[in-house]
Amino acid sequence: IQRDLLQEKDRAAYGKQIFATLSRELSQRYGKGFTGSALHRMVKFAE
């Protein structure tokens, strides 16, 4: 996710959108372990 975000000029707006989309799709398929806040922690982990 971090690598994808770095490619965007407007990272804040894109980040807000991508986290919401990813969280919704992943949570539907894999459960509550992929909420928006959880994905933010994973990005922080990689950073």
ModelCIF file with pLDDT and N, C-alpha, C, O atoms, coordinates in Angstrom:
data_MODEL
#
_entry.id   MODEL 
#
_entity.id                         1 
_entity.type                       polymer 
_entity.pdbx_number_of_molecules   1 
#
_entity_poly.entity_id                      1 
_entity_poly.type                           'polypeptide(L)' 
_entity_poly.nstd_linkage                   no 
_entity_poly.nstd_monomer                   no 
_entity_poly.pdbx_seq_one_letter_code       IQRDLLQEKDRAAYGKQIFATLSRELSQRYGKGFTGSALHRMVKFAE 
_entity_poly.pdbx_seq_one_letter_code_can   IQRDLLQEKDRAAYGKQIFATLSRELSQRYGKGFTGSALHRMVKFAE 
_entity_poly.pdbx_strand_id                 A 
#
loop_
_entity_poly_seq.entity_id 
_entity_poly_seq.num 
_entity_poly_seq.mon_id 
_entity_poly_seq.hetero 
1 1  ILE n 
1 2  GLN n 
1 3  ARG n 
1 4  ASP n 
1 5  LEU n 
1 6  LEU n 
1 7  GLN n 
1 8  GLU n 
1 9  LYS n 
1 10 ASP n 
1 11 ARG n 
1 12 ALA n 
1 13 ALA n 
1 14 TYR n 
1 15 GLY n 
1 16 LYS n 
1 17 GLN n 
1 18 ILE n 
1 19 PHE n 
1 20 ALA n 
1 21 THR n 
1 22 LEU n 
1 23 SER n 
1 24 ARG n 
1 25 GLU n 
1 26 LEU n 
1 27 SER n 
1 28 GLN n 
1 29 ARG n 
1 30 TYR n 
1 31 GLY n 
1 32 LYS n 
1 33 GLY n 
1 34 PHE n 
1 35 THR n 
1 36 GLY n 
1 37 SER n 
1 38 ALA n 
1 39 LEU n 
1 40 HIS n 
1 41 ARG n 
1 42 MET n 
1 43 VAL n 
1 44 LYS n 
1 45 PHE n 
1 46 ALA n 
1 47 GLU n 
#
_struct_asym.id          A 
_struct_asym.entity_id   1 
#
loop_
_ma_qa_metric.id 
_ma_qa_metric.mode 
_ma_qa_metric.name 
_ma_qa_metric.software_group_id 
_ma_qa_metric.type 
1 global pLDDT . pLDDT 
2 local  pLDDT . pLDDT 
#
_ma_qa_metric_global.metric_id      1 
_ma_qa_metric_global.metric_value   85.02 
_ma_qa_metric_global.model_id       1 
_ma_qa_metric_global.ordinal_id     1 
#
loop_
_ma_qa_metric_local.label_asym_id 
_ma_qa_metric_local.label_comp_id 
_ma_qa_metric_local.label_seq_id 
_ma_qa_metric_local.metric_id 
_ma_qa_metric_local.metric_value 
_ma_qa_metric_local.model_id 
_ma_qa_metric_local.ordinal_id 
A ILE 1  2 89.00 1 1  
A GLN 2  2 88.00 1 2  
A ARG 3  2 86.00 1 3  
A ASP 4  2 83.00 1 4  
A LEU 5  2 81.00 1 5  
A LEU 6  2 71.00 1 6  
A GLN 7  2 73.00 1 7  
A GLU 8  2 70.00 1 8  
A LYS 9  2 67.00 1 9  
A ASP 10 2 71.00 1 10 
A ARG 11 2 70.00 1 11 
A ALA 12 2 71.00 1 12 
A ALA 13 2 74.00 1 13 
A TYR 14 2 74.00 1 14 
A GLY 15 2 74.00 1 15 
A LYS 16 2 80.00 1 16 
A GLN 17 2 83.00 1 17 
A ILE 18 2 84.00 1 18 
A PHE 19 2 86.00 1 19 
A ALA 20 2 87.00 1 20 
A THR 21 2 88.00 1 21 
A LEU 22 2 90.00 1 22 
A SER 23 2 88.00 1 23 
A ARG 24 2 90.00 1 24 
A GLU 25 2 90.00 1 25 
A LEU 26 2 90.00 1 26 
A SER 27 2 89.00 1 27 
A GLN 28 2 89.00 1 28 
A ARG 29 2 89.00 1 29 
A TYR 30 2 88.00 1 30 
A GLY 31 2 82.00 1 31 
A LYS 32 2 83.00 1 32 
A GLY 33 2 85.00 1 33 
A PHE 34 2 89.00 1 34 
A THR 35 2 90.00 1 35 
A GLY 36 2 89.00 1 36 
A SER 37 2 90.00 1 37 
A ALA 38 2 92.00 1 38 
A LEU 39 2 92.00 1 39 
A HIS 40 2 91.00 1 40 
A ARG 41 2 94.00 1 41 
A MET 42 2 93.00 1 42 
A VAL 43 2 93.00 1 43 
A LYS 44 2 95.00 1 44 
A PHE 45 2 96.00 1 45 
A ALA 46 2 95.00 1 46 
A GLU 47 2 94.00 1 47 
#
loop_
_atom_site.group_PDB 
_atom_site.id 
_atom_site.type_symbol 
_atom_site.label_atom_id 
_atom_site.label_alt_id 
_atom_site.label_comp_id 
_atom_site.label_asym_id 
_atom_site.label_entity_id 
_atom_site.label_seq_id 
_atom_site.pdbx_PDB_ins_code 
_atom_site.Cartn_x 
_atom_site.Cartn_y 
_atom_site.Cartn_z 
_atom_site.occupancy 
_atom_site.B_iso_or_equiv 
_atom_site.pdbx_formal_charge 
_atom_site.auth_seq_id 
_atom_site.auth_comp_id 
_atom_site.auth_asym_id 
_atom_site.auth_atom_id 
_atom_site.pdbx_PDB_model_num 
ATOM 1   N N  . ILE A 1 1  ? 0.844   -1.205  0.000  1.00 89.00 ? 1  ILE A N  1 
ATOM 2   C CA . ILE A 1 1  ? 0.000   0.000   0.000  1.00 89.00 ? 1  ILE A CA 1 
ATOM 3   C C  . ILE A 1 1  ? 0.872   1.245   0.000  1.00 89.00 ? 1  ILE A C  1 
ATOM 4   O O  . ILE A 1 1  ? 0.590   2.207   -0.715 1.00 89.00 ? 1  ILE A O  1 
ATOM 5   N N  . GLN A 1 2  ? 1.922   1.227   0.795  1.00 88.00 ? 2  GLN A N  1 
ATOM 6   C CA . GLN A 1 2  ? 2.834   2.369   0.878  1.00 88.00 ? 2  GLN A CA 1 
ATOM 7   C C  . GLN A 1 2  ? 3.444   2.665   -0.494 1.00 88.00 ? 2  GLN A C  1 
ATOM 8   O O  . GLN A 1 2  ? 3.537   3.823   -0.902 1.00 88.00 ? 2  GLN A O  1 
ATOM 9   N N  . ARG A 1 3  ? 3.851   1.625   -1.193 1.00 86.00 ? 3  ARG A N  1 
ATOM 10  C CA . ARG A 1 3  ? 4.446   1.796   -2.517 1.00 86.00 ? 3  ARG A CA 1 
ATOM 11  C C  . ARG A 1 3  ? 3.450   2.427   -3.490 1.00 86.00 ? 3  ARG A C  1 
ATOM 12  O O  . ARG A 1 3  ? 3.821   3.261   -4.315 1.00 86.00 ? 3  ARG A O  1 
ATOM 13  N N  . ASP A 1 4  ? 2.196   2.026   -3.388 1.00 83.00 ? 4  ASP A N  1 
ATOM 14  C CA . ASP A 1 4  ? 1.158   2.579   -4.249 1.00 83.00 ? 4  ASP A CA 1 
ATOM 15  C C  . ASP A 1 4  ? 0.896   4.043   -3.921 1.00 83.00 ? 4  ASP A C  1 
ATOM 16  O O  . ASP A 1 4  ? 0.702   4.868   -4.814 1.00 83.00 ? 4  ASP A O  1 
ATOM 17  N N  . LEU A 1 5  ? 0.892   4.352   -2.631 1.00 81.00 ? 5  LEU A N  1 
ATOM 18  C CA . LEU A 1 5  ? 0.643   5.731   -2.198 1.00 81.00 ? 5  LEU A CA 1 
ATOM 19  C C  . LEU A 1 5  ? 1.746   6.672   -2.662 1.00 81.00 ? 5  LEU A C  1 
ATOM 20  O O  . LEU A 1 5  ? 1.474   7.815   -3.029 1.00 81.00 ? 5  LEU A O  1 
ATOM 21  N N  . LEU A 1 6  ? 2.990   6.199   -2.647 1.00 71.00 ? 6  LEU A N  1 
ATOM 22  C CA . LEU A 1 6  ? 4.117   7.041   -3.029 1.00 71.00 ? 6  LEU A CA 1 
ATOM 23  C C  . LEU A 1 6  ? 4.062   7.461   -4.495 1.00 71.00 ? 6  LEU A C  1 
ATOM 24  O O  . LEU A 1 6  ? 4.696   8.440   -4.885 1.00 71.00 ? 6  LEU A O  1 
ATOM 25  N N  . GLN A 1 7  ? 3.319   6.736   -5.292 1.00 73.00 ? 7  GLN A N  1 
ATOM 26  C CA . GLN A 1 7  ? 3.230   7.044   -6.722 1.00 73.00 ? 7  GLN A CA 1 
ATOM 27  C C  . GLN A 1 7  ? 2.224   8.170   -6.997 1.00 73.00 ? 7  GLN A C  1 
ATOM 28  O O  . GLN A 1 7  ? 2.161   8.695   -8.109 1.00 73.00 ? 7  GLN A O  1 
ATOM 29  N N  . GLU A 1 8  ? 1.444   8.534   -5.983 1.00 70.00 ? 8  GLU A N  1 
ATOM 30  C CA . GLU A 1 8  ? 0.410   9.542   -6.177 1.00 70.00 ? 8  GLU A CA 1 
ATOM 31  C C  . GLU A 1 8  ? 0.884   10.914  -5.711 1.00 70.00 ? 8  GLU A C  1 
ATOM 32  O O  . GLU A 1 8  ? 1.503   11.039  -4.654 1.00 70.00 ? 8  GLU A O  1 
ATOM 33  N N  . LYS A 1 9  ? 0.591   11.935  -6.502 1.00 67.00 ? 9  LYS A N  1 
ATOM 34  C CA . LYS A 1 9  ? 0.963   13.297  -6.136 1.00 67.00 ? 9  LYS A CA 1 
ATOM 35  C C  . LYS A 1 9  ? 0.093   13.795  -4.979 1.00 67.00 ? 9  LYS A C  1 
ATOM 36  O O  . LYS A 1 9  ? 0.602   14.353  -4.007 1.00 67.00 ? 9  LYS A O  1 
ATOM 37  N N  . ASP A 1 10 ? -1.195  13.593  -5.090 1.00 71.00 ? 10 ASP A N  1 
ATOM 38  C CA . ASP A 1 10 ? -2.115  14.017  -4.033 1.00 71.00 ? 10 ASP A CA 1 
ATOM 39  C C  . ASP A 1 10 ? -2.349  12.827  -3.105 1.00 71.00 ? 10 ASP A C  1 
ATOM 40  O O  . ASP A 1 10 ? -3.386  12.166  -3.159 1.00 71.00 ? 10 ASP A O  1 
ATOM 41  N N  . ARG A 1 11 ? -1.349  12.573  -2.248 1.00 70.00 ? 11 ARG A N  1 
ATOM 42  C CA . ARG A 1 11 ? -1.379  11.347  -1.440 1.00 70.00 ? 11 ARG A CA 1 
ATOM 43  C C  . ARG A 1 11 ? -2.483  11.359  -0.391 1.00 70.00 ? 11 ARG A C  1 
ATOM 44  O O  . ARG A 1 11 ? -3.082  10.321  -0.109 1.00 70.00 ? 11 ARG A O  1 
ATOM 45  N N  . ALA A 1 12 ? -2.756  12.518  0.184  1.00 71.00 ? 12 ALA A N  1 
ATOM 46  C CA . ALA A 1 12 ? -3.751  12.590  1.255  1.00 71.00 ? 12 ALA A CA 1 
ATOM 47  C C  . ALA A 1 12 ? -5.129  12.190  0.746  1.00 71.00 ? 12 ALA A C  1 
ATOM 48  O O  . ALA A 1 12 ? -5.805  11.350  1.341  1.00 71.00 ? 12 ALA A O  1 
ATOM 49  N N  . ALA A 1 13 ? -5.544  12.814  -0.381 1.00 74.00 ? 13 ALA A N  1 
ATOM 50  C CA . ALA A 1 13 ? -6.870  12.507  -0.933 1.00 74.00 ? 13 ALA A CA 1 
ATOM 51  C C  . ALA A 1 13 ? -6.933  11.077  -1.436 1.00 74.00 ? 13 ALA A C  1 
ATOM 52  O O  . ALA A 1 13 ? -7.910  10.367  -1.199 1.00 74.00 ? 13 ALA A O  1 
ATOM 53  N N  . TYR A 1 14 ? -5.882  10.657  -2.133 1.00 74.00 ? 14 TYR A N  1 
ATOM 54  C CA . TYR A 1 14 ? -5.865  9.295   -2.668 1.00 74.00 ? 14 TYR A CA 1 
ATOM 55  C C  . TYR A 1 14 ? -5.824  8.279   -1.540 1.00 74.00 ? 14 TYR A C  1 
ATOM 56  O O  . TYR A 1 14 ? -6.481  7.239   -1.597 1.00 74.00 ? 14 TYR A O  1 
ATOM 57  N N  . GLY A 1 15 ? -5.031  8.597   -0.498 1.00 74.00 ? 15 GLY A N  1 
ATOM 58  C CA . GLY A 1 15 ? -4.914  7.681   0.636  1.00 74.00 ? 15 GLY A CA 1 
ATOM 59  C C  . GLY A 1 15 ? -6.250  7.465   1.319  1.00 74.00 ? 15 GLY A C  1 
ATOM 60  O O  . GLY A 1 15 ? -6.611  6.335   1.648  1.00 74.00 ? 15 GLY A O  1 
ATOM 61  N N  . LYS A 1 16 ? -6.987  8.550   1.533  1.00 80.00 ? 16 LYS A N  1 
ATOM 62  C CA . LYS A 1 16 ? -8.298  8.435   2.183  1.00 80.00 ? 16 LYS A CA 1 
ATOM 63  C C  . LYS A 1 16 ? -9.236  7.564   1.362  1.00 80.00 ? 16 LYS A C  1 
ATOM 64  O O  . LYS A 1 16 ? -9.983  6.751   1.905  1.00 80.00 ? 16 LYS A O  1 
ATOM 65  N N  . GLN A 1 17 ? -9.188  7.741   0.060  1.00 83.00 ? 17 GLN A N  1 
ATOM 66  C CA . GLN A 1 17 ? -10.056 6.966   -0.827 1.00 83.00 ? 17 GLN A CA 1 
ATOM 67  C C  . GLN A 1 17 ? -9.647  5.499   -0.872 1.00 83.00 ? 17 GLN A C  1 
ATOM 68  O O  . GLN A 1 17 ? -10.491 4.607   -0.789 1.00 83.00 ? 17 GLN A O  1 
ATOM 69  N N  . ILE A 1 18 ? -8.329  5.254   -1.005 1.00 84.00 ? 18 ILE A N  1 
ATOM 70  C CA . ILE A 1 18 ? -7.867  3.875   -1.167 1.00 84.00 ? 18 ILE A CA 1 
ATOM 71  C C  . ILE A 1 18 ? -8.051  3.067   0.108  1.00 84.00 ? 18 ILE A C  1 
ATOM 72  O O  . ILE A 1 18 ? -8.372  1.879   0.053  1.00 84.00 ? 18 ILE A O  1 
ATOM 73  N N  . PHE A 1 19 ? -7.848  3.705   1.257  1.00 86.00 ? 19 PHE A N  1 
ATOM 74  C CA . PHE A 1 19 ? -8.032  2.983   2.526  1.00 86.00 ? 19 PHE A CA 1 
ATOM 75  C C  . PHE A 1 19 ? -9.492  2.580   2.704  1.00 86.00 ? 19 PHE A C  1 
ATOM 76  O O  . PHE A 1 19 ? -9.782  1.478   3.171  1.00 86.00 ? 19 PHE A O  1 
ATOM 77  N N  . ALA A 1 20 ? -10.409 3.465   2.333  1.00 87.00 ? 20 ALA A N  1 
ATOM 78  C CA . ALA A 1 20 ? -11.831 3.159   2.459  1.00 87.00 ? 20 ALA A CA 1 
ATOM 79  C C  . ALA A 1 20 ? -12.223 2.015   1.534  1.00 87.00 ? 20 ALA A C  1 
ATOM 80  O O  . ALA A 1 20 ? -12.961 1.110   1.923  1.00 87.00 ? 20 ALA A O  1 
ATOM 81  N N  . THR A 1 21 ? -11.714 2.069   0.295  1.00 88.00 ? 21 THR A N  1 
ATOM 82  C CA . THR A 1 21 ? -12.042 1.018   -0.683 1.00 88.00 ? 21 THR A CA 1 
ATOM 83  C C  . THR A 1 21 ? -11.463 -0.324  -0.276 1.00 88.00 ? 21 THR A C  1 
ATOM 84  O O  . THR A 1 21 ? -12.158 -1.339  -0.276 1.00 88.00 ? 21 THR A O  1 
ATOM 85  N N  . LEU A 1 22 ? -10.185 -0.320  0.071  1.00 90.00 ? 22 LEU A N  1 
ATOM 86  C CA . LEU A 1 22 ? -9.521  -1.572  0.448  1.00 90.00 ? 22 LEU A CA 1 
ATOM 87  C C  . LEU A 1 22 ? -10.153 -2.175  1.694  1.00 90.00 ? 22 LEU A C  1 
ATOM 88  O O  . LEU A 1 22 ? -10.374 -3.384  1.762  1.00 90.00 ? 22 LEU A O  1 
ATOM 89  N N  . SER A 1 23 ? -10.440 -1.337  2.673  1.00 88.00 ? 23 SER A N  1 
ATOM 90  C CA . SER A 1 23 ? -11.036 -1.827  3.916  1.00 88.00 ? 23 SER A CA 1 
ATOM 91  C C  . SER A 1 23 ? -12.380 -2.490  3.649  1.00 88.00 ? 23 SER A C  1 
ATOM 92  O O  . SER A 1 23 ? -12.668 -3.566  4.173  1.00 88.00 ? 23 SER A O  1 
ATOM 93  N N  . ARG A 1 24 ? -13.191 -1.845  2.838  1.00 90.00 ? 24 ARG A N  1 
ATOM 94  C CA . ARG A 1 24 ? -14.522 -2.397  2.547  1.00 90.00 ? 24 ARG A CA 1 
ATOM 95  C C  . ARG A 1 24 ? -14.423 -3.745  1.824  1.00 90.00 ? 24 ARG A C  1 
ATOM 96  O O  . ARG A 1 24 ? -15.104 -4.704  2.188  1.00 90.00 ? 24 ARG A O  1 
ATOM 97  N N  . GLU A 1 25 ? -13.571 -3.806  0.801  1.00 90.00 ? 25 GLU A N  1 
ATOM 98  C CA . GLU A 1 25 ? -13.465 -5.033  0.009  1.00 90.00 ? 25 GLU A CA 1 
ATOM 99  C C  . GLU A 1 25 ? -12.810 -6.168  0.798  1.00 90.00 ? 25 GLU A C  1 
ATOM 100 O O  . GLU A 1 25 ? -13.285 -7.303  0.763  1.00 90.00 ? 25 GLU A O  1 
ATOM 101 N N  . LEU A 1 26 ? -11.728 -5.867  1.505  1.00 90.00 ? 26 LEU A N  1 
ATOM 102 C CA . LEU A 1 26 ? -11.012 -6.911  2.251  1.00 90.00 ? 26 LEU A CA 1 
ATOM 103 C C  . LEU A 1 26 ? -11.829 -7.402  3.443  1.00 90.00 ? 26 LEU A C  1 
ATOM 104 O O  . LEU A 1 26 ? -11.827 -8.593  3.755  1.00 90.00 ? 26 LEU A O  1 
ATOM 105 N N  . SER A 1 27 ? -12.525 -6.482  4.108  1.00 89.00 ? 27 SER A N  1 
ATOM 106 C CA . SER A 1 27 ? -13.335 -6.875  5.270  1.00 89.00 ? 27 SER A CA 1 
ATOM 107 C C  . SER A 1 27 ? -14.486 -7.785  4.853  1.00 89.00 ? 27 SER A C  1 
ATOM 108 O O  . SER A 1 27 ? -14.834 -8.723  5.570  1.00 89.00 ? 27 SER A O  1 
ATOM 109 N N  . GLN A 1 28 ? -15.073 -7.508  3.694  1.00 89.00 ? 28 GLN A N  1 
ATOM 110 C CA . GLN A 1 28 ? -16.157 -8.357  3.216  1.00 89.00 ? 28 GLN A CA 1 
ATOM 111 C C  . GLN A 1 28 ? -15.672 -9.778  2.940  1.00 89.00 ? 28 GLN A C  1 
ATOM 112 O O  . GLN A 1 28 ? -16.399 -10.748 3.156  1.00 89.00 ? 28 GLN A O  1 
ATOM 113 N N  . ARG A 1 29 ? -14.454 -9.885  2.468  1.00 89.00 ? 29 ARG A N  1 
ATOM 114 C CA . ARG A 1 29 ? -13.935 -11.195 2.081  1.00 89.00 ? 29 ARG A CA 1 
ATOM 115 C C  . ARG A 1 29 ? -13.220 -11.911 3.223  1.00 89.00 ? 29 ARG A C  1 
ATOM 116 O O  . ARG A 1 29 ? -13.335 -13.128 3.364  1.00 89.00 ? 29 ARG A O  1 
ATOM 117 N N  . TYR A 1 30 ? -12.456 -11.132 4.065  1.00 88.00 ? 30 TYR A N  1 
ATOM 118 C CA . TYR A 1 30 ? -11.593 -11.772 5.062  1.00 88.00 ? 30 TYR A CA 1 
ATOM 119 C C  . TYR A 1 30 ? -11.937 -11.443 6.513  1.00 88.00 ? 30 TYR A C  1 
ATOM 120 O O  . TYR A 1 30 ? -11.301 -11.975 7.423  1.00 88.00 ? 30 TYR A O  1 
ATOM 121 N N  . GLY A 1 31 ? -12.918 -10.586 6.750  1.00 82.00 ? 31 GLY A N  1 
ATOM 122 C CA . GLY A 1 31 ? -13.296 -10.309 8.129  1.00 82.00 ? 31 GLY A CA 1 
ATOM 123 C C  . GLY A 1 31 ? -12.784 -8.983  8.655  1.00 82.00 ? 31 GLY A C  1 
ATOM 124 O O  . GLY A 1 31 ? -12.209 -8.183  7.917  1.00 82.00 ? 31 GLY A O  1 
ATOM 125 N N  . LYS A 1 32 ? -13.004 -8.760  9.961  1.00 83.00 ? 32 LYS A N  1 
ATOM 126 C CA . LYS A 1 32 ? -12.765 -7.445  10.563 1.00 83.00 ? 32 LYS A CA 1 
ATOM 127 C C  . LYS A 1 32 ? -11.292 -7.105  10.790 1.00 83.00 ? 32 LYS A C  1 
ATOM 128 O O  . LYS A 1 32 ? -10.990 -6.008  11.259 1.00 83.00 ? 32 LYS A O  1 
ATOM 129 N N  . GLY A 1 33 ? -10.376 -8.003  10.476 1.00 85.00 ? 33 GLY A N  1 
ATOM 130 C CA . GLY A 1 33 ? -8.957  -7.708  10.673 1.00 85.00 ? 33 GLY A CA 1 
ATOM 131 C C  . GLY A 1 33 ? -8.394  -6.723  9.682  1.00 85.00 ? 33 GLY A C  1 
ATOM 132 O O  . GLY A 1 33 ? -7.210  -6.396  9.751  1.00 85.00 ? 33 GLY A O  1 
ATOM 133 N N  . PHE A 1 34 ? -9.223  -6.229  8.740  1.00 89.00 ? 34 PHE A N  1 
ATOM 134 C CA . PHE A 1 34 ? -8.716  -5.343  7.696  1.00 89.00 ? 34 PHE A CA 1 
ATOM 135 C C  . PHE A 1 34 ? -9.513  -4.035  7.645  1.00 89.00 ? 34 PHE A C  1 
ATOM 136 O O  . PHE A 1 34 ? -9.846  -3.533  6.572  1.00 89.00 ? 34 PHE A O  1 
ATOM 137 N N  . THR A 1 35 ? -9.808  -3.505  8.821  1.00 90.00 ? 35 THR A N  1 
ATOM 138 C CA . THR A 1 35 ? -10.460 -2.206  8.900  1.00 90.00 ? 35 THR A CA 1 
ATOM 139 C C  . THR A 1 35 ? -9.507  -1.118  8.420  1.00 90.00 ? 35 THR A C  1 
ATOM 140 O O  . THR A 1 35 ? -8.317  -1.364  8.223  1.00 90.00 ? 35 THR A O  1 
ATOM 141 N N  . GLY A 1 36 ? -10.038 0.081   8.235  1.00 89.00 ? 36 GLY A N  1 
ATOM 142 C CA . GLY A 1 36 ? -9.184  1.177   7.795  1.00 89.00 ? 36 GLY A CA 1 
ATOM 143 C C  . GLY A 1 36 ? -8.044  1.451   8.764  1.00 89.00 ? 36 GLY A C  1 
ATOM 144 O O  . GLY A 1 36 ? -6.906  1.659   8.344  1.00 89.00 ? 36 GLY A O  1 
ATOM 145 N N  . SER A 1 37 ? -8.348  1.452   10.063 1.00 90.00 ? 37 SER A N  1 
ATOM 146 C CA . SER A 1 37 ? -7.300  1.703   11.061 1.00 90.00 ? 37 SER A CA 1 
ATOM 147 C C  . SER A 1 37 ? -6.259  0.589   11.065 1.00 90.00 ? 37 SER A C  1 
ATOM 148 O O  . SER A 1 37 ? -5.071  0.843   11.263 1.00 90.00 ? 37 SER A O  1 
ATOM 149 N N  . ALA A 1 38 ? -6.715  -0.667  10.841 1.00 92.00 ? 38 ALA A N  1 
ATOM 150 C CA . ALA A 1 38 ? -5.772  -1.785  10.792 1.00 92.00 ? 38 ALA A CA 1 
ATOM 151 C C  . ALA A 1 38 ? -4.832  -1.640  9.602  1.00 92.00 ? 38 ALA A C  1 
ATOM 152 O O  . ALA A 1 38 ? -3.636  -1.903  9.723  1.00 92.00 ? 38 ALA A O  1 
ATOM 153 N N  . LEU A 1 39 ? -5.359  -1.223  8.454  1.00 92.00 ? 39 LEU A N  1 
ATOM 154 C CA . LEU A 1 39 ? -4.517  -1.021  7.268  1.00 92.00 ? 39 LEU A CA 1 
ATOM 155 C C  . LEU A 1 39 ? -3.531  0.119   7.490  1.00 92.00 ? 39 LEU A C  1 
ATOM 156 O O  . LEU A 1 39 ? -2.385  0.043   7.047  1.00 92.00 ? 39 LEU A O  1 
ATOM 157 N N  . HIS A 1 40 ? -3.968  1.178   8.174  1.00 91.00 ? 40 HIS A N  1 
ATOM 158 C CA . HIS A 1 40 ? -3.057  2.283   8.509  1.00 91.00 ? 40 HIS A CA 1 
ATOM 159 C C  . HIS A 1 40 ? -1.902  1.774   9.374  1.00 91.00 ? 40 HIS A C  1 
ATOM 160 O O  . HIS A 1 40 ? -0.756  2.181   9.177  1.00 91.00 ? 40 HIS A O  1 
ATOM 161 N N  . ARG A 1 41 ? -2.196  0.890   10.327 1.00 94.00 ? 41 ARG A N  1 
ATOM 162 C CA . ARG A 1 41 ? -1.134  0.342   11.187 1.00 94.00 ? 41 ARG A CA 1 
ATOM 163 C C  . ARG A 1 41 ? -0.160  -0.510  10.369 1.00 94.00 ? 41 ARG A C  1 
ATOM 164 O O  . ARG A 1 41 ? 1.042   -0.510  10.636 1.00 94.00 ? 41 ARG A O  1 
ATOM 165 N N  . MET A 1 42 ? -0.672  -1.226  9.387  1.00 93.00 ? 42 MET A N  1 
ATOM 166 C CA . MET A 1 42 ? 0.215   -2.042  8.542  1.00 93.00 ? 42 MET A CA 1 
ATOM 167 C C  . MET A 1 42 ? 1.159   -1.170  7.732  1.00 93.00 ? 42 MET A C  1 
ATOM 168 O O  . MET A 1 42 ? 2.338   -1.490  7.579  1.00 93.00 ? 42 MET A O  1 
ATOM 169 N N  . VAL A 1 43 ? 0.629   -0.057  7.211  1.00 93.00 ? 43 VAL A N  1 
ATOM 170 C CA . VAL A 1 43 ? 1.483   0.874   6.474  1.00 93.00 ? 43 VAL A CA 1 
ATOM 171 C C  . VAL A 1 43 ? 2.535   1.481   7.404  1.00 93.00 ? 43 VAL A C  1 
ATOM 172 O O  . VAL A 1 43 ? 3.703   1.601   7.035  1.00 93.00 ? 43 VAL A O  1 
ATOM 173 N N  . LYS A 1 44 ? 2.114   1.859   8.605  1.00 95.00 ? 44 LYS A N  1 
ATOM 174 C CA . LYS A 1 44 ? 3.051   2.390   9.600  1.00 95.00 ? 44 LYS A CA 1 
ATOM 175 C C  . LYS A 1 44 ? 4.123   1.356   9.924  1.00 95.00 ? 44 LYS A C  1 
ATOM 176 O O  . LYS A 1 44 ? 5.296   1.697   10.077 1.00 95.00 ? 44 LYS A O  1 
ATOM 177 N N  . PHE A 1 45 ? 3.723   0.106   10.027 1.00 96.00 ? 45 PHE A N  1 
ATOM 178 C CA . PHE A 1 45 ? 4.641   -0.999  10.290 1.00 96.00 ? 45 PHE A CA 1 
ATOM 179 C C  . PHE A 1 45 ? 5.728   -1.052  9.221  1.00 96.00 ? 45 PHE A C  1 
ATOM 180 O O  . PHE A 1 45 ? 6.911   -1.163  9.542  1.00 96.00 ? 45 PHE A O  1 
ATOM 181 N N  . ALA A 1 46 ? 5.330   -0.971  7.949  1.00 95.00 ? 46 ALA A N  1 
ATOM 182 C CA . ALA A 1 46 ? 6.299   -1.021  6.854  1.00 95.00 ? 46 ALA A CA 1 
ATOM 183 C C  . ALA A 1 46 ? 7.184   0.221   6.838  1.00 95.00 ? 46 ALA A C  1 
ATOM 184 O O  . ALA A 1 46 ? 8.340   0.154   6.419  1.00 95.00 ? 46 ALA A O  1 
ATOM 185 N N  . GLU A 1 47 ? 6.649   1.350   7.290  1.00 94.00 ? 47 GLU A N  1 
ATOM 186 C CA . GLU A 1 47 ? 7.424   2.595   7.299  1.00 94.00 ? 47 GLU A CA 1 
ATOM 187 C C  . GLU A 1 47 ? 8.520   2.576   8.360  1.00 94.00 ? 47 GLU A C  1 
ATOM 188 O O  . GLU A 1 47 ? 9.263   3.548   8.498  1.00 94.00 ? 47 GLU A O  1 
#
